[in-house]
């Protein structure tokens, strides 16, 4: 999704539709392209404001707020397996990619569709779910979407539903993995990573920031 006008409330509605899904008709993530006319500070400010608006939604819809589990900025050129990051049962991952000459991809795999439609998945797959997919990755191919992260002249955000499956989940998560097409350690690939737990109002979170 290319962002022509940075209207956080409108962007939030698109995020809600695609990410806070209750069935597999939606993809469980959204890719937002903000173009090049930003500074890293402005970009991170957009991420924080988006988190605030999403938290307003969860407070009304689920009587829960989005709380920071972590908020970090790092230089990464490492491939990963399909996985969900380790946080609460119900949580969301916001990845903010700054401009970079390093070509990379983000692969999103719908483990709910895999569990319900693939002959390779066991009947109790969701019950015995593990945060790292350890089987043959080709099994996930029919349920995978590739996001090309052309960061050469743009700032992009990918918001992912990274929730673990549990009994009667409120929203449905997905796997993700990073692929670095051509690493070059002489250059940087800066990622801003924000993990947001959906916690009941009044729950204590020592990692929450006063923002």
N, C-alpha and C. Protein backbone atom coordinates (compact mmCIF):
# COMPACT_ATOMS: atom_id res chain seq x y z
N UNK A 1 0.85 -1.18 0.00
CA UNK A 1 0.00 0.00 0.00
C UNK A 1 0.89 1.24 0.00
N UNK A 2 0.79 2.06 -1.03
CA UNK A 2 1.57 3.29 -1.14
C UNK A 2 0.82 4.41 -0.42
N UNK A 3 1.50 5.09 0.51
CA UNK A 3 0.88 6.15 1.29
C UNK A 3 1.14 7.49 0.62
N UNK A 4 0.10 8.10 0.09
CA UNK A 4 0.22 9.41 -0.54
C UNK A 4 0.11 10.53 0.49
N UNK A 5 -0.74 10.34 1.47
CA UNK A 5 -0.98 11.35 2.50
C UNK A 5 -0.93 10.65 3.85
N UNK A 6 -0.05 11.11 4.73
CA UNK A 6 0.13 10.43 6.01
C UNK A 6 -1.00 10.83 6.96
N UNK A 7 -2.08 10.07 6.87
CA UNK A 7 -3.23 10.24 7.75
C UNK A 7 -3.29 8.99 8.64
N UNK A 8 -2.83 9.13 9.87
CA UNK A 8 -2.67 7.97 10.75
C UNK A 8 -4.00 7.28 11.02
N UNK A 9 -5.08 8.04 11.15
CA UNK A 9 -6.37 7.42 11.42
C UNK A 9 -6.82 6.55 10.24
N UNK A 10 -6.61 7.02 9.01
CA UNK A 10 -6.98 6.22 7.84
C UNK A 10 -6.07 5.00 7.71
N UNK A 11 -4.78 5.17 7.96
CA UNK A 11 -3.85 4.04 7.91
C UNK A 11 -4.24 3.00 8.96
N UNK A 12 -4.66 3.47 10.13
CA UNK A 12 -5.07 2.56 11.20
C UNK A 12 -6.23 1.68 10.75
N UNK A 13 -7.18 2.24 10.05
CA UNK A 13 -8.34 1.46 9.59
C UNK A 13 -7.91 0.35 8.63
N UNK A 14 -6.95 0.65 7.76
CA UNK A 14 -6.43 -0.38 6.85
C UNK A 14 -5.70 -1.47 7.63
N UNK A 15 -4.96 -1.07 8.66
CA UNK A 15 -4.27 -2.05 9.50
C UNK A 15 -5.27 -2.97 10.21
N UNK A 16 -6.32 -2.37 10.76
CA UNK A 16 -7.33 -3.15 11.46
C UNK A 16 -7.93 -4.20 10.53
N UNK A 17 -8.28 -3.78 9.33
CA UNK A 17 -8.92 -4.68 8.38
C UNK A 17 -8.03 -5.87 8.02
N UNK A 18 -6.76 -5.61 7.77
CA UNK A 18 -5.85 -6.65 7.28
C UNK A 18 -5.17 -7.46 8.38
N UNK A 19 -4.89 -6.83 9.51
CA UNK A 19 -4.04 -7.45 10.53
C UNK A 19 -4.82 -8.04 11.68
N UNK A 20 -5.86 -7.35 12.14
CA UNK A 20 -6.64 -7.84 13.28
C UNK A 20 -7.74 -8.76 12.76
N UNK A 21 -7.34 -9.82 12.12
CA UNK A 21 -8.27 -10.69 11.41
C UNK A 21 -8.85 -11.76 12.33
N UNK A 22 -10.05 -12.17 12.00
CA UNK A 22 -10.72 -13.25 12.73
C UNK A 22 -10.99 -14.44 11.83
N UNK A 23 -10.58 -14.34 10.56
CA UNK A 23 -10.68 -15.47 9.64
C UNK A 23 -9.55 -15.35 8.63
N UNK A 24 -9.39 -16.35 7.79
CA UNK A 24 -8.27 -16.37 6.87
C UNK A 24 -8.59 -15.73 5.52
N UNK A 25 -9.71 -15.01 5.43
CA UNK A 25 -9.98 -14.23 4.23
C UNK A 25 -9.03 -13.04 4.13
N UNK A 26 -8.59 -12.53 5.28
CA UNK A 26 -7.59 -11.46 5.31
C UNK A 26 -6.21 -12.09 5.50
N UNK A 27 -5.16 -11.30 5.18
CA UNK A 27 -3.82 -11.87 5.08
C UNK A 27 -3.05 -11.88 6.39
N UNK A 28 -3.46 -11.07 7.37
CA UNK A 28 -2.77 -11.06 8.65
C UNK A 28 -1.59 -10.12 8.72
N UNK A 29 -1.38 -9.30 7.67
CA UNK A 29 -0.31 -8.30 7.69
C UNK A 29 -0.67 -7.19 6.73
N UNK A 30 0.08 -6.08 6.82
CA UNK A 30 -0.06 -4.99 5.84
C UNK A 30 1.31 -4.39 5.59
N UNK A 31 1.55 -4.00 4.33
CA UNK A 31 2.82 -3.41 3.89
C UNK A 31 2.54 -1.97 3.50
N UNK A 32 3.16 -1.01 4.18
CA UNK A 32 2.92 0.41 3.98
C UNK A 32 4.19 1.08 3.44
N UNK A 33 4.07 1.71 2.30
CA UNK A 33 5.20 2.39 1.65
C UNK A 33 5.03 3.90 1.81
N UNK A 34 5.96 4.53 2.55
CA UNK A 34 5.85 5.95 2.86
C UNK A 34 6.73 6.83 1.97
N UNK A 35 7.40 6.25 0.99
CA UNK A 35 8.25 7.05 0.12
C UNK A 35 9.55 7.46 0.80
N UNK A 36 10.23 8.44 0.22
CA UNK A 36 11.58 8.78 0.66
C UNK A 36 11.68 10.09 1.44
N UNK A 37 10.62 10.90 1.44
CA UNK A 37 10.72 12.25 1.99
C UNK A 37 10.46 12.28 3.49
N UNK A 38 11.24 11.49 4.22
CA UNK A 38 11.16 11.44 5.67
C UNK A 38 12.57 11.43 6.24
N UNK A 39 12.68 11.72 7.51
CA UNK A 39 13.91 11.48 8.26
C UNK A 39 13.68 10.25 9.13
N UNK A 40 14.75 9.58 9.59
CA UNK A 40 14.56 8.45 10.50
C UNK A 40 13.74 8.81 11.74
N UNK A 41 13.92 10.02 12.26
CA UNK A 41 13.14 10.44 13.43
C UNK A 41 11.66 10.55 13.09
N UNK A 42 11.34 11.18 11.95
CA UNK A 42 9.94 11.29 11.53
C UNK A 42 9.32 9.91 11.32
N UNK A 43 10.11 9.02 10.77
CA UNK A 43 9.63 7.66 10.50
C UNK A 43 9.27 6.95 11.79
N UNK A 44 10.14 7.02 12.77
CA UNK A 44 9.86 6.37 14.05
C UNK A 44 8.66 7.02 14.75
N UNK A 45 8.50 8.32 14.55
CA UNK A 45 7.35 9.02 15.12
C UNK A 45 6.04 8.48 14.52
N UNK A 46 6.04 8.18 13.22
CA UNK A 46 4.87 7.60 12.57
C UNK A 46 4.53 6.25 13.22
N UNK A 47 5.56 5.44 13.47
CA UNK A 47 5.34 4.14 14.09
C UNK A 47 4.68 4.29 15.46
N UNK A 48 5.17 5.23 16.26
CA UNK A 48 4.63 5.43 17.61
C UNK A 48 3.18 5.91 17.54
N UNK A 49 2.90 6.85 16.64
CA UNK A 49 1.54 7.36 16.52
C UNK A 49 0.58 6.27 16.02
N UNK A 50 1.07 5.41 15.12
CA UNK A 50 0.25 4.30 14.65
C UNK A 50 -0.06 3.34 15.79
N UNK A 51 0.92 3.09 16.62
CA UNK A 51 0.70 2.23 17.79
C UNK A 51 -0.38 2.82 18.68
N UNK A 52 -0.35 4.14 18.91
CA UNK A 52 -1.35 4.77 19.78
C UNK A 52 -2.76 4.59 19.22
N UNK A 53 -2.92 4.80 17.91
CA UNK A 53 -4.24 4.68 17.30
C UNK A 53 -4.74 3.24 17.34
N UNK A 54 -3.85 2.30 17.11
CA UNK A 54 -4.23 0.89 17.18
C UNK A 54 -4.63 0.50 18.60
N UNK A 55 -3.95 1.08 19.58
CA UNK A 55 -4.28 0.78 20.98
C UNK A 55 -5.66 1.33 21.34
N UNK A 56 -6.04 2.46 20.76
CA UNK A 56 -7.39 2.99 20.98
C UNK A 56 -8.43 1.99 20.47
N UNK A 57 -8.15 1.41 19.31
CA UNK A 57 -9.06 0.42 18.74
C UNK A 57 -9.18 -0.81 19.63
N UNK A 58 -8.05 -1.36 20.08
CA UNK A 58 -8.11 -2.58 20.90
C UNK A 58 -8.77 -2.31 22.25
N UNK A 59 -8.61 -1.08 22.77
CA UNK A 59 -9.24 -0.75 24.04
C UNK A 59 -10.76 -0.81 23.92
N UNK A 60 -11.29 -0.36 22.79
CA UNK A 60 -12.74 -0.37 22.57
C UNK A 60 -13.22 -1.77 22.18
N UNK A 61 -12.52 -2.41 21.26
CA UNK A 61 -12.96 -3.69 20.71
C UNK A 61 -12.77 -4.85 21.68
N UNK A 62 -11.62 -4.87 22.36
CA UNK A 62 -11.28 -6.03 23.18
C UNK A 62 -11.13 -5.70 24.68
N UNK A 63 -11.30 -4.42 25.02
CA UNK A 63 -11.05 -3.97 26.40
C UNK A 63 -9.61 -4.27 26.82
N UNK A 64 -8.72 -4.15 25.86
CA UNK A 64 -7.29 -4.38 26.09
C UNK A 64 -6.51 -3.28 25.36
N UNK A 65 -5.32 -2.98 25.87
CA UNK A 65 -4.48 -1.98 25.21
C UNK A 65 -3.26 -2.66 24.61
N UNK A 66 -2.64 -1.98 23.65
CA UNK A 66 -1.38 -2.46 23.11
C UNK A 66 -0.24 -1.88 23.93
N UNK A 67 0.59 -2.76 24.45
CA UNK A 67 1.66 -2.36 25.34
C UNK A 67 3.00 -2.81 24.76
N UNK A 68 4.01 -1.95 24.86
CA UNK A 68 5.33 -2.30 24.33
C UNK A 68 5.92 -3.51 25.04
N UNK A 69 6.30 -4.52 24.28
CA UNK A 69 7.12 -5.61 24.80
C UNK A 69 8.59 -5.29 24.56
N UNK A 70 8.87 -4.79 23.36
CA UNK A 70 10.18 -4.20 23.10
C UNK A 70 10.08 -3.19 21.98
N UNK A 71 11.07 -2.30 21.94
CA UNK A 71 11.15 -1.26 20.93
C UNK A 71 12.64 -1.04 20.67
N UNK A 72 13.14 -1.56 19.53
CA UNK A 72 14.58 -1.52 19.27
C UNK A 72 14.84 -1.11 17.82
N UNK A 73 16.06 -0.66 17.56
CA UNK A 73 16.52 -0.29 16.22
C UNK A 73 17.86 -0.97 16.01
N UNK A 74 17.99 -1.75 14.91
CA UNK A 74 19.21 -2.52 14.72
C UNK A 74 19.55 -2.64 13.24
N UNK A 75 20.78 -3.04 12.97
CA UNK A 75 21.29 -3.26 11.61
C UNK A 75 21.31 -4.77 11.38
N UNK A 76 20.48 -5.26 10.46
CA UNK A 76 20.33 -6.70 10.29
C UNK A 76 20.49 -7.13 8.84
N UNK A 77 21.34 -8.16 8.65
CA UNK A 77 21.45 -8.81 7.35
C UNK A 77 21.54 -10.32 7.56
N UNK A 78 20.56 -10.85 8.26
CA UNK A 78 20.55 -12.27 8.63
C UNK A 78 19.23 -12.89 8.17
N UNK A 79 19.34 -14.04 7.49
CA UNK A 79 18.14 -14.79 7.13
C UNK A 79 17.55 -15.46 8.37
N UNK A 80 16.25 -15.61 8.39
CA UNK A 80 15.60 -16.28 9.51
C UNK A 80 14.68 -17.38 8.98
N UNK A 81 14.33 -18.36 9.81
CA UNK A 81 13.31 -19.34 9.42
C UNK A 81 11.92 -18.74 9.62
N UNK A 82 10.89 -19.44 9.17
CA UNK A 82 9.54 -19.02 9.49
C UNK A 82 9.34 -19.13 11.01
N UNK A 83 8.81 -18.07 11.60
CA UNK A 83 8.67 -18.06 13.05
C UNK A 83 7.67 -16.99 13.48
N UNK A 84 7.28 -17.04 14.74
CA UNK A 84 6.65 -15.91 15.42
C UNK A 84 7.59 -15.53 16.55
N UNK A 85 7.74 -14.24 16.79
CA UNK A 85 8.59 -13.80 17.89
C UNK A 85 7.96 -14.17 19.22
N UNK A 86 8.78 -14.33 20.21
CA UNK A 86 8.32 -14.84 21.50
C UNK A 86 7.88 -13.69 22.40
N UNK A 87 6.57 -13.55 22.56
CA UNK A 87 6.03 -12.54 23.46
C UNK A 87 4.75 -13.11 24.08
N UNK A 88 3.70 -12.32 24.19
CA UNK A 88 2.45 -12.82 24.76
C UNK A 88 1.69 -13.66 23.73
N UNK A 89 0.58 -14.28 24.16
CA UNK A 89 -0.23 -15.06 23.23
C UNK A 89 -0.78 -14.19 22.11
N UNK A 90 -1.20 -12.98 22.48
CA UNK A 90 -1.84 -12.07 21.52
C UNK A 90 -0.94 -10.85 21.34
N UNK A 91 -0.22 -10.79 20.22
CA UNK A 91 0.69 -9.67 20.04
C UNK A 91 0.94 -9.40 18.56
N UNK A 92 1.52 -8.23 18.31
CA UNK A 92 1.68 -7.73 16.95
C UNK A 92 3.09 -7.18 16.77
N UNK A 93 3.64 -7.38 15.58
CA UNK A 93 5.00 -6.97 15.27
C UNK A 93 4.95 -5.87 14.22
N UNK A 94 5.51 -4.70 14.55
CA UNK A 94 5.61 -3.61 13.60
C UNK A 94 7.08 -3.44 13.22
N UNK A 95 7.39 -3.68 11.96
CA UNK A 95 8.76 -3.57 11.46
C UNK A 95 8.86 -2.34 10.57
N UNK A 96 9.76 -1.44 10.92
CA UNK A 96 9.97 -0.22 10.15
C UNK A 96 11.32 -0.26 9.46
N UNK A 97 11.31 -0.33 8.14
CA UNK A 97 12.54 -0.46 7.36
C UNK A 97 12.96 0.90 6.82
N UNK A 98 14.15 1.34 7.21
CA UNK A 98 14.69 2.60 6.70
C UNK A 98 15.33 2.38 5.33
N UNK A 99 15.64 3.45 4.65
CA UNK A 99 16.24 3.36 3.33
C UNK A 99 17.55 2.55 3.38
N UNK A 100 17.72 1.65 2.41
CA UNK A 100 18.91 0.80 2.37
C UNK A 100 19.12 0.29 0.95
N UNK A 101 20.37 0.07 0.59
CA UNK A 101 20.69 -0.51 -0.71
C UNK A 101 20.67 -2.03 -0.68
N UNK A 102 20.46 -2.61 0.49
CA UNK A 102 20.44 -4.06 0.64
C UNK A 102 19.06 -4.59 0.22
N UNK A 103 19.04 -5.44 -0.79
CA UNK A 103 17.78 -6.01 -1.26
C UNK A 103 17.34 -7.14 -0.33
N UNK A 104 16.10 -7.09 0.10
CA UNK A 104 15.62 -8.12 1.02
C UNK A 104 14.15 -8.42 0.76
N UNK A 105 13.70 -9.50 1.35
CA UNK A 105 12.31 -9.94 1.23
C UNK A 105 11.79 -10.34 2.61
N UNK A 106 10.50 -10.22 2.77
CA UNK A 106 9.83 -10.72 3.97
C UNK A 106 8.76 -11.69 3.51
N UNK A 107 8.81 -12.92 4.00
CA UNK A 107 7.84 -13.94 3.61
C UNK A 107 6.86 -14.15 4.76
N UNK A 108 5.57 -14.08 4.44
CA UNK A 108 4.52 -14.25 5.43
C UNK A 108 3.77 -15.55 5.13
N UNK A 109 3.65 -16.44 6.10
CA UNK A 109 2.98 -17.72 5.91
C UNK A 109 1.80 -17.84 6.88
N UNK A 110 0.65 -18.19 6.33
CA UNK A 110 -0.57 -18.30 7.12
C UNK A 110 -0.65 -19.69 7.75
N UNK A 111 -0.26 -19.80 9.00
CA UNK A 111 -0.24 -21.12 9.63
C UNK A 111 -1.65 -21.64 9.93
N UNK A 112 -2.64 -20.76 10.00
CA UNK A 112 -4.01 -21.22 10.18
C UNK A 112 -4.52 -21.92 8.93
N UNK A 113 -4.27 -21.33 7.76
CA UNK A 113 -4.66 -22.00 6.52
C UNK A 113 -3.91 -23.32 6.36
N UNK A 114 -2.63 -23.29 6.69
CA UNK A 114 -1.82 -24.51 6.62
C UNK A 114 -2.41 -25.59 7.51
N UNK A 115 -2.76 -25.22 8.74
CA UNK A 115 -3.28 -26.20 9.69
C UNK A 115 -4.62 -26.77 9.24
N UNK A 116 -5.44 -25.95 8.60
CA UNK A 116 -6.79 -26.37 8.25
C UNK A 116 -6.93 -26.96 6.86
N UNK A 117 -5.97 -26.68 5.96
CA UNK A 117 -6.12 -27.09 4.57
C UNK A 117 -5.05 -28.05 4.07
N UNK A 118 -3.87 -28.07 4.71
CA UNK A 118 -2.78 -28.88 4.19
C UNK A 118 -2.85 -30.32 4.70
N UNK A 119 -2.63 -31.26 3.79
CA UNK A 119 -2.56 -32.66 4.20
C UNK A 119 -1.31 -32.96 5.01
N UNK A 120 -0.32 -32.07 4.90
CA UNK A 120 0.94 -32.28 5.63
C UNK A 120 0.82 -31.93 7.11
N UNK A 121 -0.16 -31.11 7.45
CA UNK A 121 -0.32 -30.69 8.84
C UNK A 121 -1.06 -31.75 9.64
N UNK A 122 -0.63 -31.98 10.87
CA UNK A 122 -1.32 -32.92 11.75
C UNK A 122 -2.64 -32.31 12.23
N UNK A 123 -3.56 -33.15 12.64
CA UNK A 123 -4.86 -32.67 13.09
C UNK A 123 -4.76 -31.79 14.33
N UNK A 124 -3.73 -32.04 15.14
CA UNK A 124 -3.55 -31.24 16.36
C UNK A 124 -2.44 -30.22 16.20
N UNK A 125 -2.18 -29.79 14.95
CA UNK A 125 -1.06 -28.88 14.68
C UNK A 125 -1.14 -27.60 15.53
N UNK A 126 -2.30 -26.97 15.56
CA UNK A 126 -2.42 -25.71 16.31
C UNK A 126 -2.26 -25.95 17.81
N UNK A 127 -2.73 -27.08 18.30
CA UNK A 127 -2.60 -27.38 19.72
C UNK A 127 -1.14 -27.57 20.11
N UNK A 128 -0.35 -28.14 19.20
CA UNK A 128 1.06 -28.39 19.47
C UNK A 128 1.97 -27.37 18.77
N UNK A 129 1.41 -26.21 18.49
CA UNK A 129 2.13 -25.16 17.76
C UNK A 129 3.45 -24.79 18.43
N UNK A 130 4.50 -24.64 17.62
CA UNK A 130 5.79 -24.16 18.11
C UNK A 130 6.13 -22.86 17.39
N UNK A 131 6.84 -21.93 18.05
CA UNK A 131 7.08 -20.61 17.45
C UNK A 131 8.02 -20.62 16.24
N UNK A 132 8.74 -21.71 16.02
CA UNK A 132 9.60 -21.84 14.83
C UNK A 132 9.12 -23.03 14.02
N UNK A 133 8.91 -22.82 12.72
CA UNK A 133 8.45 -23.89 11.84
C UNK A 133 9.65 -24.78 11.50
N UNK A 134 9.60 -26.04 11.93
CA UNK A 134 10.75 -26.92 11.80
C UNK A 134 10.58 -27.98 10.71
N UNK A 135 9.43 -28.01 10.07
CA UNK A 135 9.19 -28.99 9.01
C UNK A 135 9.71 -28.45 7.67
N UNK A 136 9.45 -29.17 6.61
CA UNK A 136 9.89 -28.76 5.29
C UNK A 136 9.15 -27.49 4.86
N UNK A 137 9.91 -26.43 4.56
CA UNK A 137 9.28 -25.15 4.25
C UNK A 137 8.44 -25.19 2.99
N UNK A 138 8.71 -26.12 2.10
CA UNK A 138 7.91 -26.22 0.88
C UNK A 138 6.44 -26.50 1.21
N UNK A 139 6.18 -27.09 2.39
CA UNK A 139 4.81 -27.35 2.80
C UNK A 139 4.01 -26.06 2.98
N UNK A 140 4.73 -24.98 3.32
CA UNK A 140 4.07 -23.70 3.56
C UNK A 140 3.90 -22.88 2.28
N UNK A 141 4.52 -23.29 1.19
CA UNK A 141 4.53 -22.49 -0.04
C UNK A 141 3.14 -22.06 -0.50
N UNK A 142 2.13 -22.94 -0.49
CA UNK A 142 0.80 -22.50 -0.96
C UNK A 142 0.13 -21.46 -0.06
N UNK A 143 0.69 -21.27 1.13
CA UNK A 143 0.08 -20.37 2.11
C UNK A 143 0.96 -19.17 2.41
N UNK A 144 1.92 -18.91 1.51
CA UNK A 144 2.95 -17.89 1.73
C UNK A 144 2.82 -16.73 0.76
N UNK A 145 3.03 -15.51 1.28
CA UNK A 145 3.08 -14.29 0.48
C UNK A 145 4.47 -13.67 0.61
N UNK A 146 5.06 -13.30 -0.52
CA UNK A 146 6.38 -12.66 -0.50
C UNK A 146 6.23 -11.16 -0.62
N UNK A 147 6.84 -10.44 0.32
CA UNK A 147 6.85 -8.98 0.29
C UNK A 147 8.24 -8.53 -0.12
N UNK A 148 8.34 -7.91 -1.30
CA UNK A 148 9.63 -7.39 -1.75
C UNK A 148 9.89 -6.06 -1.06
N UNK A 149 10.98 -6.00 -0.30
CA UNK A 149 11.31 -4.78 0.44
C UNK A 149 12.35 -3.99 -0.34
N UNK A 150 11.90 -3.23 -1.34
CA UNK A 150 12.79 -2.36 -2.10
C UNK A 150 13.01 -1.10 -1.28
N UNK A 151 14.10 -1.09 -0.52
CA UNK A 151 14.36 -0.01 0.42
C UNK A 151 15.31 1.05 -0.12
N UNK A 152 15.63 0.99 -1.40
CA UNK A 152 16.65 1.88 -1.94
C UNK A 152 16.28 3.35 -1.81
N UNK A 153 14.99 3.67 -1.93
CA UNK A 153 14.59 5.08 -1.83
C UNK A 153 13.25 5.24 -1.12
N UNK A 154 12.99 4.39 -0.14
CA UNK A 154 11.69 4.47 0.54
C UNK A 154 11.79 4.00 1.99
N UNK A 155 10.87 4.48 2.79
CA UNK A 155 10.67 3.99 4.16
C UNK A 155 9.40 3.15 4.15
N UNK A 156 9.47 1.95 4.71
CA UNK A 156 8.31 1.08 4.71
C UNK A 156 8.06 0.49 6.09
N UNK A 157 6.79 0.27 6.38
CA UNK A 157 6.37 -0.40 7.61
C UNK A 157 5.61 -1.66 7.23
N UNK A 158 5.91 -2.76 7.90
CA UNK A 158 5.11 -3.97 7.78
C UNK A 158 4.58 -4.30 9.18
N UNK A 159 3.26 -4.33 9.30
CA UNK A 159 2.61 -4.69 10.56
C UNK A 159 2.08 -6.10 10.42
N UNK A 160 2.46 -6.98 11.36
CA UNK A 160 2.16 -8.41 11.27
C UNK A 160 1.43 -8.86 12.53
N UNK A 161 0.42 -9.70 12.34
CA UNK A 161 -0.22 -10.36 13.47
C UNK A 161 0.64 -11.56 13.85
N UNK A 162 1.36 -11.44 14.93
CA UNK A 162 2.30 -12.49 15.35
C UNK A 162 1.79 -13.31 16.52
N UNK A 163 0.47 -13.37 16.67
CA UNK A 163 -0.10 -14.07 17.81
C UNK A 163 0.09 -15.58 17.72
N UNK A 164 0.22 -16.20 18.89
CA UNK A 164 0.24 -17.66 18.98
C UNK A 164 -1.20 -18.17 19.02
N UNK A 165 -1.46 -19.34 18.44
CA UNK A 165 -2.81 -19.90 18.51
C UNK A 165 -3.11 -20.39 19.93
N UNK A 166 -4.34 -20.23 20.33
CA UNK A 166 -4.80 -20.73 21.62
C UNK A 166 -6.30 -20.96 21.50
N UNK A 167 -6.89 -21.49 22.54
CA UNK A 167 -8.33 -21.75 22.52
C UNK A 167 -9.09 -20.45 22.31
N UNK A 168 -9.99 -20.43 21.33
CA UNK A 168 -10.82 -19.27 21.01
C UNK A 168 -9.99 -17.99 20.88
N UNK A 169 -9.02 -17.96 19.97
CA UNK A 169 -8.19 -16.76 19.81
C UNK A 169 -9.02 -15.57 19.32
N UNK A 170 -8.64 -14.37 19.76
CA UNK A 170 -9.38 -13.18 19.35
C UNK A 170 -8.99 -12.72 17.95
N UNK A 171 -7.74 -12.91 17.58
CA UNK A 171 -7.29 -12.64 16.21
C UNK A 171 -6.32 -13.74 15.80
N UNK A 172 -6.12 -13.90 14.49
CA UNK A 172 -5.35 -15.03 13.97
C UNK A 172 -3.99 -14.57 13.45
N UNK A 173 -2.92 -15.22 13.91
CA UNK A 173 -1.57 -14.82 13.56
C UNK A 173 -1.02 -15.50 12.32
N UNK A 174 0.21 -15.13 11.97
CA UNK A 174 0.93 -15.68 10.82
C UNK A 174 2.41 -15.85 11.19
N UNK A 175 3.10 -16.71 10.43
CA UNK A 175 4.56 -16.79 10.50
C UNK A 175 5.17 -15.68 9.65
N UNK A 176 6.45 -15.36 9.92
CA UNK A 176 7.22 -14.52 9.01
C UNK A 176 8.67 -14.98 9.00
N UNK A 177 9.35 -14.70 7.89
CA UNK A 177 10.79 -14.95 7.83
C UNK A 177 11.44 -13.89 6.95
N UNK A 178 12.69 -13.56 7.26
CA UNK A 178 13.46 -12.57 6.51
C UNK A 178 14.41 -13.28 5.56
N UNK A 179 14.52 -12.75 4.34
CA UNK A 179 15.47 -13.26 3.34
C UNK A 179 16.29 -12.09 2.83
N UNK A 180 17.60 -12.16 3.02
CA UNK A 180 18.51 -11.15 2.49
C UNK A 180 19.00 -11.64 1.14
N UNK A 181 18.57 -10.97 0.07
CA UNK A 181 18.86 -11.46 -1.28
C UNK A 181 20.35 -11.39 -1.58
N UNK A 182 20.99 -10.29 -1.24
CA UNK A 182 22.42 -10.13 -1.50
C UNK A 182 23.05 -9.33 -0.37
N UNK A 183 23.56 -10.01 0.67
CA UNK A 183 24.14 -9.29 1.81
C UNK A 183 25.38 -8.49 1.40
N UNK A 184 25.61 -7.40 2.08
CA UNK A 184 26.81 -6.58 1.90
C UNK A 184 27.08 -5.88 3.21
N UNK A 185 28.00 -6.43 3.99
CA UNK A 185 28.25 -5.91 5.33
C UNK A 185 28.94 -4.56 5.34
N UNK A 186 29.30 -4.07 4.16
CA UNK A 186 29.86 -2.71 4.08
C UNK A 186 28.75 -1.67 4.12
N UNK A 187 27.51 -2.12 3.98
CA UNK A 187 26.37 -1.22 3.97
C UNK A 187 25.42 -1.58 5.11
N UNK A 188 24.48 -0.69 5.39
CA UNK A 188 23.55 -0.89 6.50
C UNK A 188 22.15 -1.24 6.01
N UNK A 189 21.47 -2.01 6.82
CA UNK A 189 20.04 -2.30 6.61
C UNK A 189 19.37 -2.12 7.98
N UNK A 190 18.84 -0.93 8.20
CA UNK A 190 18.32 -0.56 9.51
C UNK A 190 16.85 -0.94 9.63
N UNK A 191 16.55 -1.67 10.70
CA UNK A 191 15.17 -2.10 10.99
C UNK A 191 14.78 -1.58 12.37
N UNK A 192 13.61 -0.97 12.44
CA UNK A 192 13.01 -0.58 13.71
C UNK A 192 11.97 -1.62 14.06
N UNK A 193 12.14 -2.28 15.19
CA UNK A 193 11.26 -3.39 15.56
C UNK A 193 10.46 -3.02 16.81
N UNK A 194 9.14 -3.14 16.70
CA UNK A 194 8.24 -2.81 17.79
C UNK A 194 7.31 -4.01 18.02
N UNK A 195 7.41 -4.64 19.16
CA UNK A 195 6.52 -5.74 19.51
C UNK A 195 5.49 -5.22 20.50
N UNK A 196 4.21 -5.46 20.17
CA UNK A 196 3.11 -4.91 20.95
C UNK A 196 2.24 -6.03 21.50
N UNK A 197 2.21 -6.17 22.80
CA UNK A 197 1.33 -7.14 23.46
C UNK A 197 -0.06 -6.53 23.62
N UNK A 198 -1.09 -7.33 23.43
CA UNK A 198 -2.46 -6.89 23.70
C UNK A 198 -2.83 -7.38 25.09
N UNK A 199 -2.80 -6.48 26.06
CA UNK A 199 -2.97 -6.83 27.46
C UNK A 199 -4.24 -6.23 28.03
N UNK A 200 -4.87 -6.90 29.01
CA UNK A 200 -6.05 -6.34 29.66
C UNK A 200 -5.73 -4.99 30.28
N UNK A 201 -6.71 -4.08 30.27
CA UNK A 201 -6.51 -2.78 30.90
C UNK A 201 -6.14 -2.97 32.36
N UNK A 202 -5.14 -2.22 32.81
CA UNK A 202 -4.71 -2.31 34.20
C UNK A 202 -3.62 -3.31 34.44
N UNK A 203 -3.30 -4.16 33.42
CA UNK A 203 -2.21 -5.12 33.59
C UNK A 203 -0.89 -4.39 33.67
N UNK A 204 0.00 -4.89 34.51
CA UNK A 204 1.29 -4.24 34.71
C UNK A 204 2.28 -4.78 33.69
N UNK A 205 2.96 -3.88 33.00
CA UNK A 205 3.99 -4.25 32.04
C UNK A 205 5.22 -3.41 32.33
N UNK A 206 6.27 -4.02 32.84
CA UNK A 206 7.47 -3.29 33.20
C UNK A 206 8.18 -2.69 32.00
N UNK A 207 7.88 -3.20 30.79
CA UNK A 207 8.54 -2.69 29.59
C UNK A 207 7.82 -1.50 28.97
N UNK A 208 6.65 -1.11 29.50
CA UNK A 208 5.88 -0.03 28.88
C UNK A 208 6.61 1.30 29.06
N UNK A 209 6.58 2.10 28.00
CA UNK A 209 7.21 3.40 28.02
C UNK A 209 6.16 4.46 28.31
N UNK A 210 6.60 5.56 28.87
CA UNK A 210 5.70 6.69 29.13
C UNK A 210 5.64 7.55 27.88
N UNK A 211 4.85 7.13 26.90
CA UNK A 211 4.77 7.87 25.65
C UNK A 211 3.35 8.44 25.46
